[in-house]
Amino acid sequence: MGKNNEKGVVPIIALVLVLLALGIFAVIYYKSTYQAPAIPTFQTSLLQLTLESPNSGTITVNNKILVKGKTSPNATVVIYTDENENSVEADLYGNFEGEIMLAGGINTLTVTAFAENGDEKTLALDVVNDSSN
């Protein structure tokens, strides 16, 4: 009986070795031919810049004006006139606000947003400081 059991074990061992060899071959083949799926790239949205206030032609009797608007998230926003400058950072939603001092009379107010990738966008408008009243 011992020899019959040995004869039955040899084909099973041979079958296991063949299956193991085929498995190893399949893994090697799969690794050599597998290409990872492409990682999607998302285009960053274009830098935007809009002003809520002030509007062009706004008249103030204070020597300063509040500038509010929206741009890209985390953008740096520089607000300036011929005589003064202020910079603020937009929040995670792109909202920003900052005050700037105005000279008497007509002031050209320039607002420039700088995105983290280096893009920039500028808006300019005239506001009037009538602080003589």
Protein backbone atom coordinates (compact mmCIF):
# COMPACT_ATOMS: atom_id res chain seq x y z
CA MET A 1 0.00 0.00 0.00
CA GLY A 2 2.89 2.35 0.64
CA LYS A 3 3.98 2.30 -3.00
CA ASN A 4 0.48 3.07 -4.26
CA ASN A 5 0.26 6.15 -2.02
CA GLU A 6 3.65 7.33 -3.28
CA LYS A 7 2.51 6.91 -6.90
CA GLY A 8 -0.58 9.06 -6.19
CA VAL A 9 1.43 11.81 -4.44
CA VAL A 10 3.93 12.33 -7.27
CA PRO A 11 1.35 13.46 -9.85
CA ILE A 12 -0.24 15.79 -7.28
CA ILE A 13 3.14 17.35 -6.47
CA ALA A 14 3.88 17.68 -10.18
CA LEU A 15 0.49 19.32 -10.75
CA VAL A 16 1.07 21.78 -7.86
CA LEU A 17 4.52 22.67 -9.24
CA VAL A 18 3.11 23.25 -12.74
CA LEU A 19 0.31 25.44 -11.37
CA LEU A 20 2.81 27.36 -9.23
CA ALA A 21 5.06 27.90 -12.26
CA LEU A 22 2.09 29.09 -14.32
CA GLY A 23 1.07 31.47 -11.52
CA ILE A 24 4.57 32.94 -11.31
CA PHE A 25 4.66 33.31 -15.10
CA ALA A 26 1.25 35.05 -15.06
CA VAL A 27 2.38 37.53 -12.38
CA ILE A 28 5.59 38.35 -14.28
CA TYR A 29 3.67 38.77 -17.53
CA TYR A 30 1.02 40.96 -15.87
CA LYS A 31 3.63 43.22 -14.27
CA SER A 32 5.50 43.63 -17.55
CA THR A 33 2.41 44.53 -19.56
CA TYR A 34 0.33 46.43 -16.99
CA GLN A 35 0.02 50.15 -17.48
CA ALA A 36 -1.37 52.18 -14.65
CA PRO A 37 -4.39 54.23 -15.62
CA ALA A 38 -3.60 57.80 -16.49
CA ILE A 39 -4.02 60.21 -13.64
CA PRO A 40 -6.52 62.85 -14.69
CA THR A 41 -5.17 66.36 -14.71
CA PHE A 42 -7.49 69.15 -13.84
CA GLN A 43 -7.06 72.44 -15.53
CA THR A 44 -6.94 75.20 -13.03
CA SER A 45 -9.69 77.67 -13.60
CA LEU A 46 -8.72 80.95 -15.12
CA LEU A 47 -8.01 83.72 -12.68
CA GLN A 48 -11.13 85.77 -12.13
CA LEU A 49 -11.52 89.20 -10.59
CA THR A 50 -14.79 90.99 -9.93
CA LEU A 51 -15.55 93.94 -7.67
CA GLU A 52 -18.65 94.20 -5.50
CA SER A 53 -17.71 97.68 -4.37
CA PRO A 54 -16.95 100.37 -5.10
CA ASN A 55 -18.47 101.07 -8.48
CA SER A 56 -16.83 103.37 -10.98
CA GLY A 57 -17.77 106.96 -10.15
CA THR A 58 -18.48 106.26 -6.48
CA ILE A 59 -18.20 109.42 -4.37
CA THR A 60 -17.01 109.21 -0.78
CA VAL A 61 -16.63 111.95 1.80
CA ASN A 62 -14.17 109.91 3.84
CA ASN A 63 -10.51 109.80 3.00
CA LYS A 64 -10.71 106.05 2.51
CA ILE A 65 -12.84 103.51 0.68
CA LEU A 66 -13.63 99.83 1.22
CA VAL A 67 -12.85 97.59 -1.75
CA LYS A 68 -14.69 94.24 -1.83
CA GLY A 69 -14.71 91.57 -4.48
CA LYS A 70 -14.09 88.03 -5.55
CA THR A 71 -11.14 86.33 -7.17
CA SER A 72 -9.54 82.90 -7.14
CA PRO A 73 -9.10 81.23 -3.75
CA ASN A 74 -5.98 82.31 -1.82
CA ALA A 75 -4.99 84.88 -4.45
CA THR A 76 -3.08 87.95 -3.30
CA VAL A 77 -4.95 91.14 -4.13
CA VAL A 78 -3.18 94.49 -4.37
CA ILE A 79 -5.32 97.63 -4.16
CA TYR A 80 -3.59 100.86 -5.09
CA THR A 81 -3.94 104.46 -6.21
CA ASP A 82 -1.25 106.90 -7.33
CA GLU A 83 -0.42 107.60 -3.68
CA ASN A 84 -1.39 104.53 -1.60
CA GLU A 85 -1.29 100.76 -1.67
CA ASN A 86 -2.80 97.93 0.35
CA SER A 87 -2.58 94.17 -0.16
CA VAL A 88 -4.92 91.50 1.13
CA GLU A 89 -5.32 87.77 0.62
CA ALA A 90 -8.51 86.20 -0.68
CA ASP A 91 -10.06 83.51 1.49
CA LEU A 92 -10.68 79.88 0.50
CA TYR A 93 -13.76 80.99 -1.47
CA GLY A 94 -11.98 83.86 -3.25
CA ASN A 95 -13.64 86.66 -1.26
CA PHE A 96 -11.52 89.66 -0.32
CA GLU A 97 -11.87 93.13 1.13
CA GLY A 98 -9.53 95.90 2.11
CA GLU A 99 -9.49 99.64 2.67
CA ILE A 100 -7.33 102.18 0.93
CA MET A 101 -6.71 105.85 1.64
CA LEU A 102 -7.73 108.30 -1.08
CA ALA A 103 -6.36 111.66 -2.09
CA GLY A 104 -8.79 114.55 -2.57
CA GLY A 105 -10.60 114.58 -5.92
CA ILE A 106 -10.60 111.86 -8.56
CA ASN A 107 -8.60 108.74 -7.75
CA THR A 108 -7.88 105.94 -10.19
CA LEU A 109 -8.29 102.82 -8.11
CA THR A 110 -6.45 99.78 -9.47
CA VAL A 111 -7.05 96.27 -8.16
CA THR A 112 -4.74 93.44 -9.23
CA ALA A 113 -5.15 89.79 -8.26
CA PHE A 114 -2.15 87.46 -8.33
CA ALA A 115 -2.91 83.71 -8.42
CA GLU A 116 -0.67 81.11 -6.81
CA ASN A 117 0.40 79.93 -10.30
CA GLY A 118 1.63 83.43 -11.25
CA ASP A 119 -1.35 84.57 -13.33
CA GLU A 120 -2.59 88.09 -12.73
CA LYS A 121 -5.65 90.13 -13.59
CA THR A 122 -6.24 93.85 -13.14
CA LEU A 123 -9.30 96.09 -12.95
CA ALA A 124 -9.20 99.89 -12.76
CA LEU A 125 -11.91 102.44 -12.01
CA ASP A 126 -12.23 106.05 -10.93
CA VAL A 127 -13.65 107.02 -7.54
CA VAL A 128 -14.03 110.48 -6.08
CA ASN A 129 -13.01 111.64 -2.63
CA ASP A 130 -15.06 114.72 -1.82
CA SER A 131 -13.79 115.15 1.74
CA SER A 132 -14.11 118.97 1.57
CA ASN A 133 -17.73 118.78 2.81
